[in-house]
């Protein structure tokens, strides 16, 4: 359960809530609105996957995600949100900066968050 108490995971969730709330209130934050969620997307999603593996599948607090798992998450987000959705709908736009932020988020998760915590 400590996986969900990772301070970076909590910070990412709080930032998502703030960004979504400011959007709904009609006052999106410049730059923060467009890019910070993309930077935290992989760490938050991968951390949830890590928690699920530790609690439900592997049942060990010593399990960490393999590099291929993090790469899969990065590729999935990049292809789906920056390739497929913009191709299917004009409501979405492809932004290669987002892809770069997914990669940076993946590296951050793998090196900083994907560790064994006692």
PDB file of N, CA and C in Angstrom:
ATOM      1  N   UNK A   1       0.812  -1.201   0.000  1.00  0.00           N
ATOM      2  CA  UNK A   1       0.000   0.000   0.000  1.00  0.00           C
ATOM      3  C   UNK A   1       0.856   1.265   0.000  1.00  0.00           C
ATOM      4  N   UNK A   2       2.103   1.154   0.449  1.00  0.00           N
ATOM      5  CA  UNK A   2       2.983   2.315   0.481  1.00  0.00           C
ATOM      6  C   UNK A   2       3.226   2.888  -0.911  1.00  0.00           C
ATOM      7  N   UNK A   3       2.997   2.069  -1.928  1.00  0.00           N
ATOM      8  CA  UNK A   3       3.198   2.530  -3.305  1.00  0.00           C
ATOM      9  C   UNK A   3       2.316   3.737  -3.599  1.00  0.00           C
ATOM     10  N   UNK A   4       1.103   3.734  -3.073  1.00  0.00           N
ATOM     11  CA  UNK A   4       0.184   4.852  -3.311  1.00  0.00           C
ATOM     12  C   UNK A   4       0.503   6.059  -2.427  1.00  0.00           C
ATOM     13  N   UNK A   5       1.413   5.902  -1.501  1.00  0.00           N
ATOM     14  CA  UNK A   5       1.814   7.013  -0.638  1.00  0.00           C
ATOM     15  C   UNK A   5       3.107   7.678  -1.108  1.00  0.00           C
ATOM     16  N   UNK A   6       3.594   7.261  -2.270  1.00  0.00           N
ATOM     17  CA  UNK A   6       4.790   7.885  -2.838  1.00  0.00           C
ATOM     18  C   UNK A   6       4.516   9.374  -3.023  1.00  0.00           C
ATOM     19  N   UNK A   7       5.367  10.255  -2.500  1.00  0.00           N
ATOM     20  CA  UNK A   7       5.098  11.690  -2.592  1.00  0.00           C
ATOM     21  C   UNK A   7       4.994  12.202  -4.034  1.00  0.00           C
ATOM     22  N   UNK A   8       5.744  11.595  -4.950  1.00  0.00           N
ATOM     23  CA  UNK A   8       5.657  12.017  -6.351  1.00  0.00           C
ATOM     24  C   UNK A   8       4.309  11.627  -6.953  1.00  0.00           C
ATOM     25  N   UNK A   9       3.807  10.470  -6.579  1.00  0.00           N
ATOM     26  CA  UNK A   9       2.484  10.032  -7.039  1.00  0.00           C
ATOM     27  C   UNK A   9       1.405  10.973  -6.504  1.00  0.00           C
ATOM     28  N   UNK A  10       1.478  11.295  -5.230  1.00  0.00           N
ATOM     29  CA  UNK A  10       0.503  12.201  -4.614  1.00  0.00           C
ATOM     30  C   UNK A  10       0.583  13.575  -5.269  1.00  0.00           C
ATOM     31  N   UNK A  11       1.793  14.075  -5.495  1.00  0.00           N
ATOM     32  CA  UNK A  11       1.961  15.382  -6.149  1.00  0.00           C
ATOM     33  C   UNK A  11       1.350  15.370  -7.544  1.00  0.00           C
ATOM     34  N   UNK A  12       1.586  14.302  -8.305  1.00  0.00           N
ATOM     35  CA  UNK A  12       1.014  14.193  -9.648  1.00  0.00           C
ATOM     36  C   UNK A  12      -0.501  14.194  -9.624  1.00  0.00           C
ATOM     37  N   UNK A  13      -1.082  13.478  -8.677  1.00  0.00           N
ATOM     38  CA  UNK A  13      -2.552  13.448  -8.560  1.00  0.00           C
ATOM     39  C   UNK A  13      -3.106  14.815  -8.181  1.00  0.00           C
ATOM     40  N   UNK A  14      -2.452  15.490  -7.260  1.00  0.00           N
ATOM     41  CA  UNK A  14      -2.900  16.827  -6.848  1.00  0.00           C
ATOM     42  C   UNK A  14      -2.807  17.799  -8.016  1.00  0.00           C
ATOM     43  N   UNK A  15      -1.713  17.735  -8.766  1.00  0.00           N
ATOM     44  CA  UNK A  15      -1.557  18.616  -9.930  1.00  0.00           C
ATOM     45  C   UNK A  15      -2.655  18.347 -10.947  1.00  0.00           C
ATOM     46  N   UNK A  16      -2.952  17.073 -11.209  1.00  0.00           N
ATOM     47  CA  UNK A  16      -4.048  16.745 -12.131  1.00  0.00           C
ATOM     48  C   UNK A  16      -5.357  17.351 -11.657  1.00  0.00           C
ATOM     49  N   UNK A  17      -5.650  17.231 -10.364  1.00  0.00           N
ATOM     50  CA  UNK A  17      -6.899  17.773  -9.820  1.00  0.00           C
ATOM     51  C   UNK A  17      -6.941  19.288  -9.983  1.00  0.00           C
ATOM     52  N   UNK A  18      -5.846  19.968  -9.688  1.00  0.00           N
ATOM     53  CA  UNK A  18      -5.786  21.431  -9.829  1.00  0.00           C
ATOM     54  C   UNK A  18      -6.000  21.834 -11.289  1.00  0.00           C
ATOM     55  N   UNK A  19      -5.323  21.173 -12.213  1.00  0.00           N
ATOM     56  CA  UNK A  19      -5.444  21.514 -13.635  1.00  0.00           C
ATOM     57  C   UNK A  19      -6.864  21.282 -14.123  1.00  0.00           C
ATOM     58  N   UNK A  20      -7.463  20.155 -13.769  1.00  0.00           N
ATOM     59  CA  UNK A  20      -8.833  19.854 -14.206  1.00  0.00           C
ATOM     60  C   UNK A  20      -9.816  20.844 -13.594  1.00  0.00           C
ATOM     61  N   UNK A  21      -9.626  21.177 -12.324  1.00  0.00           N
ATOM     62  CA  UNK A  21     -10.520  22.133 -11.655  1.00  0.00           C
ATOM     63  C   UNK A  21     -10.428  23.513 -12.299  1.00  0.00           C
ATOM     64  N   UNK A  22      -9.211  23.985 -12.572  1.00  0.00           N
ATOM     65  CA  UNK A  22      -9.084  25.311 -13.191  1.00  0.00           C
ATOM     66  C   UNK A  22      -9.661  25.327 -14.605  1.00  0.00           C
ATOM     67  N   UNK A  23      -9.553  24.204 -15.328  1.00  0.00           N
ATOM     68  CA  UNK A  23     -10.180  24.118 -16.655  1.00  0.00           C
ATOM     69  C   UNK A  23     -11.693  24.225 -16.540  1.00  0.00           C
ATOM     70  N   UNK A  24     -12.272  23.466 -15.611  1.00  0.00           N
ATOM     71  CA  UNK A  24     -13.731  23.457 -15.454  1.00  0.00           C
ATOM     72  C   UNK A  24     -14.254  24.812 -14.987  1.00  0.00           C
ATOM     73  N   UNK A  25     -13.446  25.536 -14.229  1.00  0.00           N
ATOM     74  CA  UNK A  25     -13.847  26.861 -13.765  1.00  0.00           C
ATOM     75  C   UNK A  25     -13.627  27.930 -14.837  1.00  0.00           C
ATOM     76  N   UNK A  26     -13.051  27.530 -15.968  1.00  0.00           N
ATOM     77  CA  UNK A  26     -12.838  28.463 -17.066  1.00  0.00           C
ATOM     78  C   UNK A  26     -11.596  29.320 -16.936  1.00  0.00           C
ATOM     79  N   UNK A  27     -10.673  28.918 -16.069  1.00  0.00           N
ATOM     80  CA  UNK A  27      -9.436  29.675 -15.875  1.00  0.00           C
ATOM     81  C   UNK A  27      -8.226  28.760 -15.995  1.00  0.00           C
ATOM     82  N   UNK A  28      -8.011  28.169 -17.185  1.00  0.00           N
ATOM     83  CA  UNK A  28      -6.860  27.268 -17.323  1.00  0.00           C
ATOM     84  C   UNK A  28      -5.542  28.017 -17.134  1.00  0.00           C
ATOM     85  N   UNK A  29      -4.597  27.347 -16.522  1.00  0.00           N
ATOM     86  CA  UNK A  29      -3.292  27.940 -16.254  1.00  0.00           C
ATOM     87  C   UNK A  29      -2.399  27.777 -17.481  1.00  0.00           C
ATOM     88  N   UNK A  30      -1.872  28.870 -18.043  1.00  0.00           N
ATOM     89  CA  UNK A  30      -1.015  28.744 -19.225  1.00  0.00           C
ATOM     90  C   UNK A  30       0.197  27.849 -18.941  1.00  0.00           C
ATOM     91  N   UNK A  31       0.611  27.084 -19.918  1.00  0.00           N
ATOM     92  CA  UNK A  31       1.735  26.151 -19.856  1.00  0.00           C
ATOM     93  C   UNK A  31       1.475  25.011 -18.877  1.00  0.00           C
ATOM     94  N   UNK A  32       1.075  25.331 -17.663  1.00  0.00           N
ATOM     95  CA  UNK A  32       0.778  24.286 -16.689  1.00  0.00           C
ATOM     96  C   UNK A  32      -0.372  23.435 -17.224  1.00  0.00           C
ATOM     97  N   UNK A  33      -1.391  24.076 -17.752  1.00  0.00           N
ATOM     98  CA  UNK A  33      -2.563  23.384 -18.288  1.00  0.00           C
ATOM     99  C   UNK A  33      -2.179  22.451 -19.427  1.00  0.00           C
ATOM    100  N   UNK A  34      -1.288  22.887 -20.284  1.00  0.00           N
ATOM    101  CA  UNK A  34      -0.979  22.118 -21.473  1.00  0.00           C
ATOM    102  C   UNK A  34       0.076  21.049 -21.304  1.00  0.00           C
ATOM    103  N   UNK A  35       0.984  21.222 -20.367  1.00  0.00           N
ATOM    104  CA  UNK A  35       2.126  20.316 -20.344  1.00  0.00           C
ATOM    105  C   UNK A  35       2.367  19.562 -19.040  1.00  0.00           C
ATOM    106  N   UNK A  36       2.002  20.106 -17.909  1.00  0.00           N
ATOM    107  CA  UNK A  36       2.353  19.446 -16.646  1.00  0.00           C
ATOM    108  C   UNK A  36       1.650  18.100 -16.499  1.00  0.00           C
ATOM    109  N   UNK A  37       0.407  18.000 -16.973  1.00  0.00           N
ATOM    110  CA  UNK A  37      -0.288  16.712 -16.898  1.00  0.00           C
ATOM    111  C   UNK A  37       0.419  15.658 -17.736  1.00  0.00           C
ATOM    112  N   UNK A  38       0.950  16.067 -18.891  1.00  0.00           N
ATOM    113  CA  UNK A  38       1.666  15.117 -19.741  1.00  0.00           C
ATOM    114  C   UNK A  38       2.949  14.638 -19.068  1.00  0.00           C
ATOM    115  N   UNK A  39       3.613  15.513 -18.341  1.00  0.00           N
ATOM    116  CA  UNK A  39       4.835  15.137 -17.649  1.00  0.00           C
ATOM    117  C   UNK A  39       4.552  14.147 -16.516  1.00  0.00           C
ATOM    118  N   UNK A  40       3.405  14.281 -15.872  1.00  0.00           N
ATOM    119  CA  UNK A  40       3.057  13.395 -14.761  1.00  0.00           C
ATOM    120  C   UNK A  40       2.222  12.187 -15.191  1.00  0.00           C
ATOM    121  N   UNK A  41       1.816  12.122 -16.452  1.00  0.00           N
ATOM    122  CA  UNK A  41       0.950  11.025 -16.905  1.00  0.00           C
ATOM    123  C   UNK A  41       1.598   9.660 -16.694  1.00  0.00           C
ATOM    124  N   UNK A  42       2.805   9.476 -17.195  1.00  0.00           N
ATOM    125  CA  UNK A  42       3.459   8.168 -17.069  1.00  0.00           C
ATOM    126  C   UNK A  42       3.759   7.836 -15.605  1.00  0.00           C
ATOM    127  N   UNK A  43       4.331   8.753 -14.809  1.00  0.00           N
ATOM    128  CA  UNK A  43       4.574   8.401 -13.410  1.00  0.00           C
ATOM    129  C   UNK A  43       3.301   8.001 -12.653  1.00  0.00           C
ATOM    130  N   UNK A  44       2.195   8.694 -12.883  1.00  0.00           N
ATOM    131  CA  UNK A  44       0.957   8.359 -12.178  1.00  0.00           C
ATOM    132  C   UNK A  44       0.403   7.020 -12.661  1.00  0.00           C
ATOM    133  N   UNK A  45       0.318   6.831 -13.963  1.00  0.00           N
ATOM    134  CA  UNK A  45      -0.231   5.587 -14.508  1.00  0.00           C
ATOM    135  C   UNK A  45       0.664   4.405 -14.159  1.00  0.00           C
ATOM    136  N   UNK A  46       1.974   4.565 -14.315  1.00  0.00           N
ATOM    137  CA  UNK A  46       2.901   3.470 -14.003  1.00  0.00           C
ATOM    138  C   UNK A  46       2.880   3.144 -12.515  1.00  0.00           C
ATOM    139  N   UNK A  47       2.737   4.143 -11.669  1.00  0.00           N
ATOM    140  CA  UNK A  47       2.677   3.895 -10.234  1.00  0.00           C
ATOM    141  C   UNK A  47       1.416   3.113  -9.871  1.00  0.00           C
ATOM    142  N   UNK A  48       0.303   3.429 -10.527  1.00  0.00           N
ATOM    143  CA  UNK A  48      -0.920   2.649 -10.304  1.00  0.00           C
ATOM    144  C   UNK A  48      -0.721   1.201 -10.760  1.00  0.00           C
ATOM    145  N   UNK A  49      -0.051   1.018 -11.897  1.00  0.00           N
ATOM    146  CA  UNK A  49       0.250  -0.325 -12.376  1.00  0.00           C
ATOM    147  C   UNK A  49       1.171  -1.072 -11.426  1.00  0.00           C
ATOM    148  N   UNK A  50       2.160  -0.373 -10.896  1.00  0.00           N
ATOM    149  CA  UNK A  50       3.078  -0.967  -9.925  1.00  0.00           C
ATOM    150  C   UNK A  50       2.318  -1.398  -8.678  1.00  0.00           C
ATOM    151  N   UNK A  51       1.446  -0.543  -8.193  1.00  0.00           N
ATOM    152  CA  UNK A  51       0.638  -0.875  -7.018  1.00  0.00           C
ATOM    153  C   UNK A  51      -0.215  -2.115  -7.283  1.00  0.00           C
ATOM    154  N   UNK A  52      -0.871  -2.160  -8.451  1.00  0.00           N
ATOM    155  CA  UNK A  52      -1.719  -3.297  -8.803  1.00  0.00           C
ATOM    156  C   UNK A  52      -0.897  -4.588  -8.841  1.00  0.00           C
ATOM    157  N   UNK A  53       0.265  -4.537  -9.442  1.00  0.00           N
ATOM    158  CA  UNK A  53       1.132  -5.715  -9.505  1.00  0.00           C
ATOM    159  C   UNK A  53       1.541  -6.156  -8.096  1.00  0.00           C
ATOM    160  N   UNK A  54       1.919  -5.199  -7.267  1.00  0.00           N
ATOM    161  CA  UNK A  54       2.380  -5.535  -5.922  1.00  0.00           C
ATOM    162  C   UNK A  54       1.268  -6.097  -5.044  1.00  0.00           C
ATOM    163  N   UNK A  55       0.059  -5.586  -5.196  1.00  0.00           N
ATOM    164  CA  UNK A  55      -1.030  -5.972  -4.298  1.00  0.00           C
ATOM    165  C   UNK A  55      -1.843  -7.149  -4.830  1.00  0.00           C
ATOM    166  N   UNK A  56      -2.122  -7.170  -6.129  1.00  0.00           N
ATOM    167  CA  UNK A  56      -3.048  -8.157  -6.677  1.00  0.00           C
ATOM    168  C   UNK A  56      -2.348  -9.314  -7.387  1.00  0.00           C
ATOM    169  N   UNK A  57      -1.358  -9.045  -8.206  1.00  0.00           N
ATOM    170  CA  UNK A  57      -0.758 -10.077  -9.058  1.00  0.00           C
ATOM    171  C   UNK A  57       0.428 -10.761  -8.375  1.00  0.00           C
ATOM    172  N   UNK A  58       1.484 -10.024  -8.118  1.00  0.00           N
ATOM    173  CA  UNK A  58       2.721 -10.586  -7.581  1.00  0.00           C
ATOM    174  C   UNK A  58       2.647 -10.766  -6.068  1.00  0.00           C
ATOM    175  N   UNK A  59       1.942  -9.859  -5.423  1.00  0.00           N
ATOM    176  CA  UNK A  59       1.765  -9.860  -3.962  1.00  0.00           C
ATOM    177  C   UNK A  59       3.107  -9.775  -3.218  1.00  0.00           C
ATOM    178  N   UNK A  60       3.900  -8.810  -3.663  1.00  0.00           N
ATOM    179  CA  UNK A  60       5.200  -8.571  -3.027  1.00  0.00           C
ATOM    180  C   UNK A  60       5.541  -7.093  -3.120  1.00  0.00           C
ATOM    181  N   UNK A  61       5.941  -6.509  -2.008  1.00  0.00           N
ATOM    182  CA  UNK A  61       6.343  -5.100  -1.993  1.00  0.00           C
ATOM    183  C   UNK A  61       7.710  -4.884  -2.627  1.00  0.00           C
ATOM    184  N   UNK A  62       8.381  -5.966  -3.020  1.00  0.00           N
ATOM    185  CA  UNK A  62       9.706  -5.868  -3.605  1.00  0.00           C
ATOM    186  C   UNK A  62       9.687  -5.903  -5.125  1.00  0.00           C
ATOM    187  N   UNK A  63       8.519  -5.999  -5.699  1.00  0.00           N
ATOM    188  CA  UNK A  63       8.390  -6.037  -7.154  1.00  0.00           C
ATOM    189  C   UNK A  63       8.578  -4.634  -7.729  1.00  0.00           C
ATOM    190  N   UNK A  64       9.297  -4.527  -8.849  1.00  0.00           N
ATOM    191  CA  UNK A  64       9.416  -3.274  -9.594  1.00  0.00           C
ATOM    192  C   UNK A  64       9.082  -3.557 -11.059  1.00  0.00           C
ATOM    193  N   UNK A  65       8.597  -2.551 -11.756  1.00  0.00           N
ATOM    194  CA  UNK A  65       8.269  -2.719 -13.164  1.00  0.00           C
ATOM    195  C   UNK A  65       9.541  -2.854 -13.994  1.00  0.00           C
ATOM    196  N   UNK A  66       9.492  -3.743 -14.959  1.00  0.00           N
ATOM    197  CA  UNK A  66      10.617  -3.921 -15.883  1.00  0.00           C
ATOM    198  C   UNK A  66      10.649  -2.748 -16.862  1.00  0.00           C
ATOM    199  N   UNK A  67      11.812  -2.460 -17.438  1.00  0.00           N
ATOM    200  CA  UNK A  67      11.889  -1.365 -18.417  1.00  0.00           C
ATOM    201  C   UNK A  67      10.870  -1.515 -19.546  1.00  0.00           C
ATOM    202  N   UNK A  68      10.614  -2.748 -19.991  1.00  0.00           N
ATOM    203  CA  UNK A  68       9.658  -2.954 -21.083  1.00  0.00           C
ATOM    204  C   UNK A  68       8.254  -2.520 -20.699  1.00  0.00           C
ATOM    205  N   UNK A  69       7.896  -2.613 -19.420  1.00  0.00           N
ATOM    206  CA  UNK A  69       6.573  -2.168 -18.973  1.00  0.00           C
ATOM    207  C   UNK A  69       6.444  -0.649 -19.071  1.00  0.00           C
ATOM    208  N   UNK A  70       7.485   0.042 -18.640  1.00  0.00           N
ATOM    209  CA  UNK A  70       7.470   1.511 -18.692  1.00  0.00           C
ATOM    210  C   UNK A  70       7.498   1.981 -20.144  1.00  0.00           C
ATOM    211  N   UNK A  71       8.301   1.319 -20.983  1.00  0.00           N
ATOM    212  CA  UNK A  71       8.345   1.663 -22.407  1.00  0.00           C
ATOM    213  C   UNK A  71       6.974   1.450 -23.039  1.00  0.00           C
ATOM    214  N   UNK A  72       6.294   0.363 -22.679  1.00  0.00           N
ATOM    215  CA  UNK A  72       4.956   0.105 -23.204  1.00  0.00           C
ATOM    216  C   UNK A  72       3.993   1.236 -22.843  1.00  0.00           C
ATOM    217  N   UNK A  73       4.028   1.683 -21.598  1.00  0.00           N
ATOM    218  CA  UNK A  73       3.136   2.768 -21.162  1.00  0.00           C
ATOM    219  C   UNK A  73       3.424   4.037 -21.958  1.00  0.00           C
ATOM    220  N   UNK A  74       4.701   4.371 -22.123  1.00  0.00           N
ATOM    221  CA  UNK A  74       5.082   5.567 -22.885  1.00  0.00           C
ATOM    222  C   UNK A  74       4.594   5.457 -24.327  1.00  0.00           C
ATOM    223  N   UNK A  75       4.859   4.332 -24.969  1.00  0.00           N
ATOM    224  CA  UNK A  75       4.438   4.142 -26.365  1.00  0.00           C
ATOM    225  C   UNK A  75       2.923   4.160 -26.502  1.00  0.00           C
ATOM    226  N   UNK A  76       2.236   3.515 -25.583  1.00  0.00           N
ATOM    227  CA  UNK A  76       0.777   3.484 -25.626  1.00  0.00           C
ATOM    228  C   UNK A  76       0.205   4.902 -25.555  1.00  0.00           C
ATOM    229  N   UNK A  77       0.664   5.692 -24.587  1.00  0.00           N
ATOM    230  CA  UNK A  77       0.170   7.066 -24.448  1.00  0.00           C
ATOM    231  C   UNK A  77       0.504   7.893 -25.685  1.00  0.00           C
ATOM    232  N   UNK A  78       1.722   7.755 -26.182  1.00  0.00           N
ATOM    233  CA  UNK A  78       2.147   8.536 -27.348  1.00  0.00           C
ATOM    234  C   UNK A  78       1.325   8.174 -28.577  1.00  0.00           C
ATOM    235  N   UNK A  79       1.161   6.892 -28.828  1.00  0.00           N
ATOM    236  CA  UNK A  79       0.418   6.460 -30.020  1.00  0.00           C
ATOM    237  C   UNK A  79      -1.057   6.810 -29.895  1.00  0.00           C
ATOM    238  N   UNK A  80      -1.636   6.553 -28.731  1.00  0.00           N
ATOM    239  CA  UNK A  80      -3.074   6.781 -28.566  1.00  0.00           C
ATOM    240  C   UNK A  80      -3.420   8.270 -28.542  1.00  0.00           C
ATOM    241  N   UNK A  81      -2.744   9.033 -27.675  1.00  0.00           N
ATOM    242  CA  UNK A  81      -3.126  10.434 -27.487  1.00  0.00           C
ATOM    243  C   UNK A  81      -2.513  11.391 -28.505  1.00  0.00           C
ATOM    244  N   UNK A  82      -1.377  11.029 -29.075  1.00  0.00           N
ATOM    245  CA  UNK A  82      -0.736  11.942 -30.015  1.00  0.00           C
ATOM    246  C   UNK A  82      -0.812  11.454 -31.459  1.00  0.00           C
ATOM    247  N   UNK A  83      -1.320  10.256 -31.665  1.00  0.00           N
ATOM    248  CA  UNK A  83      -1.450   9.717 -33.009  1.00  0.00           C
ATOM    249  C   UNK A  83      -2.881   9.367 -33.366  1.00  0.00           C
ATOM    250  N   UNK A  84      -3.436   8.398 -32.653  1.00  0.00           N
ATOM    251  CA  UNK A  84      -4.759   7.874 -32.992  1.00  0.00           C
ATOM    252  C   UNK A  84      -5.892   8.877 -32.758  1.00  0.00           C
ATOM    253  N   UNK A  85      -5.973   9.440 -31.561  1.00  0.00           N
ATOM    254  CA  UNK A  85      -7.075  10.378 -31.271  1.00  0.00           C
ATOM    255  C   UNK A  85      -7.078  11.598 -32.195  1.00  0.00           C
ATOM    256  N   UNK A  86      -5.928  12.255 -32.444  1.00  0.00           N
ATOM    257  CA  UNK A  86      -5.951  13.390 -33.386  1.00  0.00           C
ATOM    258  C   UNK A  86      -6.338  12.976 -34.809  1.00  0.00           C
ATOM    259  N   UNK A  87      -6.025  11.753 -35.182  1.00  0.00           N
ATOM    260  CA  UNK A  87      -6.371  11.252 -36.506  1.00  0.00           C
ATOM    261  C   UNK A  87      -7.870  10.981 -36.607  1.00  0.00           C
ATOM    262  N   UNK A  88      -8.477  10.547 -35.488  1.00  0.00           N
ATOM    263  CA  UNK A  88      -9.902  10.206 -35.484  1.00  0.00           C
ATOM    264  C   UNK A  88     -10.821  11.396 -35.243  1.00  0.00           C
ATOM    265  N   UNK A  89     -10.332  12.416 -34.558  1.00  0.00           N
ATOM    266  CA  UNK A  89     -11.205  13.525 -34.177  1.00  0.00           C
ATOM    267  C   UNK A  89     -10.465  14.854 -34.241  1.00  0.00           C
ATOM    268  N   UNK A  90     -11.165  15.865 -34.701  1.00  0.00           N
ATOM    269  CA  UNK A  90     -10.582  17.210 -34.756  1.00  0.00           C
ATOM    270  C   UNK A  90     -10.541  17.865 -33.378  1.00  0.00           C
ATOM    271  N   UNK A  91     -11.164  17.243 -32.377  1.00  0.00           N
ATOM    272  CA  UNK A  91     -11.135  17.765 -31.013  1.00  0.00           C
ATOM    273  C   UNK A  91      -9.769  17.586 -30.361  1.00  0.00           C
ATOM    274  N   UNK A  92      -8.928  16.726 -30.941  1.00  0.00           N
ATOM    275  CA  UNK A  92      -7.613  16.437 -30.382  1.00  0.00           C
ATOM    276  C   UNK A  92      -6.529  16.893 -31.342  1.00  0.00           C
ATOM    277  N   UNK A  93      -5.410  17.329 -30.785  1.00  0.00           N
ATOM    278  CA  UNK A  93      -4.283  17.738 -31.614  1.00  0.00           C
ATOM    279  C   UNK A  93      -3.039  16.976 -31.180  1.00  0.00           C
ATOM    280  N   UNK A  94      -2.232  16.619 -32.153  1.00  0.00           N
ATOM    281  CA  UNK A  94      -0.967  15.945 -31.860  1.00  0.00           C
ATOM    282  C   UNK A  94       0.080  16.989 -31.498  1.00  0.00           C
ATOM    283  N   UNK A  95       0.836  16.714 -30.469  1.00  0.00           N
ATOM    284  CA  UNK A  95       1.880  17.631 -30.023  1.00  0.00           C
ATOM    285  C   UNK A  95       3.095  16.793 -29.650  1.00  0.00           C
ATOM    286  N   UNK A  96       4.189  16.968 -30.385  1.00  0.00           N
ATOM    287  CA  UNK A  96       5.380  16.163 -30.143  1.00  0.00           C
ATOM    288  C   UNK A  96       6.070  16.532 -28.839  1.00  0.00           C
ATOM    289  N   UNK A  97       5.769  17.701 -28.307  1.00  0.00           N
ATOM    290  CA  UNK A  97       6.301  18.042 -26.977  1.00  0.00           C
ATOM    291  C   UNK A  97       5.686  17.111 -25.938  1.00  0.00           C
ATOM    292  N   UNK A  98       4.414  16.761 -26.132  1.00  0.00           N
ATOM    293  CA  UNK A  98       3.769  15.819 -25.220  1.00  0.00           C
ATOM    294  C   UNK A  98       4.483  14.473 -25.234  1.00  0.00           C
ATOM    295  N   UNK A  99       4.869  14.014 -26.413  1.00  0.00           N
ATOM    296  CA  UNK A  99       5.587  12.745 -26.519  1.00  0.00           C
ATOM    297  C   UNK A  99       6.904  12.832 -25.750  1.00  0.00           C
ATOM    298  N   UNK A 100       7.608  13.934 -25.903  1.00  0.00           N
ATOM    299  CA  UNK A 100       8.860  14.135 -25.164  1.00  0.00           C
ATOM    300  C   UNK A 100       8.598  14.109 -23.657  1.00  0.00           C
ATOM    301  N   UNK A 101       7.507  14.731 -23.216  1.00  0.00           N
ATOM    302  CA  UNK A 101       7.166  14.740 -21.796  1.00  0.00           C
ATOM    303  C   UNK A 101       6.795  13.348 -21.302  1.00  0.00           C
ATOM    304  N   UNK A 102       6.149  12.527 -22.141  1.00  0.00           N
ATOM    305  CA  UNK A 102       5.862  11.136 -21.764  1.00  0.00           C
ATOM    306  C   UNK A 102       7.171  10.382 -21.541  1.00  0.00           C
ATOM    307  N   UNK A 103       8.135  10.596 -22.437  1.00  0.00           N
ATOM    308  CA  UNK A 103       9.432   9.920 -22.324  1.00  0.00           C
ATOM    309  C   UNK A 103      10.151  10.375 -21.048  1.00  0.00           C
ATOM    310  N   UNK A 104      10.167  11.667 -20.802  1.00  0.00           N
ATOM    311  CA  UNK A 104      10.805  12.198 -19.590  1.00  0.00           C
ATOM    312  C   UNK A 104      10.109  11.649 -18.349  1.00  0.00           C
ATOM    313  N   UNK A 105       8.786  11.627 -18.366  1.00  0.00           N
ATOM    314  CA  UNK A 105       8.026  11.066 -17.245  1.00  0.00           C
ATOM    315  C   UNK A 105       8.334   9.594 -17.040  1.00  0.00           C
ATOM    316  N   UNK A 106       8.483   8.851 -18.134  1.00  0.00           N
ATOM    317  CA  UNK A 106       8.826   7.439 -18.038  1.00  0.00           C
ATOM    318  C   UNK A 106      10.201   7.238 -17.422  1.00  0.00           C
ATOM    319  N   UNK A 107      11.172   8.032 -17.853  1.00  0.00           N
ATOM    320  CA  UNK A 107      12.521   7.949 -17.278  1.00  0.00           C
ATOM    321  C   UNK A 107      12.509   8.321 -15.798  1.00  0.00           C
ATOM    322  N   UNK A 108      11.761   9.359 -15.468  1.00  0.00           N
ATOM    323  CA  UNK A 108      11.647   9.786 -14.069  1.00  0.00           C
ATOM    324  C   UNK A 108      11.040   8.666 -13.225  1.00  0.00           C
ATOM    325  N   UNK A 109       9.948   8.089 -13.705  1.00  0.00           N
ATOM    326  CA  UNK A 109       9.316   7.002 -12.953  1.00  0.00           C
ATOM    327  C   UNK A 109      10.307   5.857 -12.753  1.00  0.00           C
ATOM    328  N   UNK A 110      10.956   5.436 -13.819  1.00  0.00           N
ATOM    329  CA  UNK A 110      11.823   4.274 -13.748  1.00  0.00           C
ATOM    330  C   UNK A 110      13.002   4.495 -12.796  1.00  0.00           C
ATOM    331  N   UNK A 111      13.580   5.685 -12.827  1.00  0.00           N
ATOM    332  CA  UNK A 111      14.776   5.939 -12.017  1.00  0.00           C
ATOM    333  C   UNK A 111      14.461   6.379 -10.582  1.00  0.00           C
ATOM    334  N   UNK A 112      13.334   7.076 -10.376  1.00  0.00           N
ATOM    335  CA  UNK A 112      13.058   7.661  -9.066  1.00  0.00           C
ATOM    336  C   UNK A 112      11.943   6.939  -8.311  1.00  0.00           C
ATOM    337  N   UNK A 113      10.879   6.590  -8.994  1.00  0.00           N
ATOM    338  CA  UNK A 113       9.697   6.059  -8.309  1.00  0.00           C
ATOM    339  C   UNK A 113       9.638   4.535  -8.287  1.00  0.00           C
ATOM    340  N   UNK A 114      10.212   3.882  -9.241  1.00  0.00           N
ATOM    341  CA  UNK A 114      10.122   2.432  -9.405  1.00  0.00           C
ATOM    342  C   UNK A 114      11.176   1.731  -8.549  1.00  0.00           C
ATOM    343  N   UNK A 115      11.071   1.938  -7.247  1.00  0.00           N
ATOM    344  CA  UNK A 115      12.047   1.386  -6.323  1.00  0.00           C
ATOM    345  C   UNK A 115      11.328   0.664  -5.198  1.00  0.00           C
ATOM    346  N   UNK A 116      12.078  -0.187  -4.510  1.00  0.00           N
ATOM    347  CA  UNK A 116      11.526  -0.897  -3.368  1.00  0.00           C
ATOM    348  C   UNK A 116      11.568   0.029  -2.165  1.00  0.00           C
ATOM    349  N   UNK A 117      10.442   0.181  -1.524  1.00  0.00           N
ATOM    350  CA  UNK A 117      10.357   1.006  -0.308  1.00  0.00           C
ATOM    351  C   UNK A 117       9.868   0.128   0.832  1.00  0.00           C
ATOM    352  N   UNK A 118      10.624   0.093   1.889  1.00  0.00           N
ATOM    353  CA  UNK A 118      10.206  -0.714   3.055  1.00  0.00           C
ATOM    354  C   UNK A 118       9.346   0.096   3.993  1.00  0.00           C
TER     355      UNK A 118
END
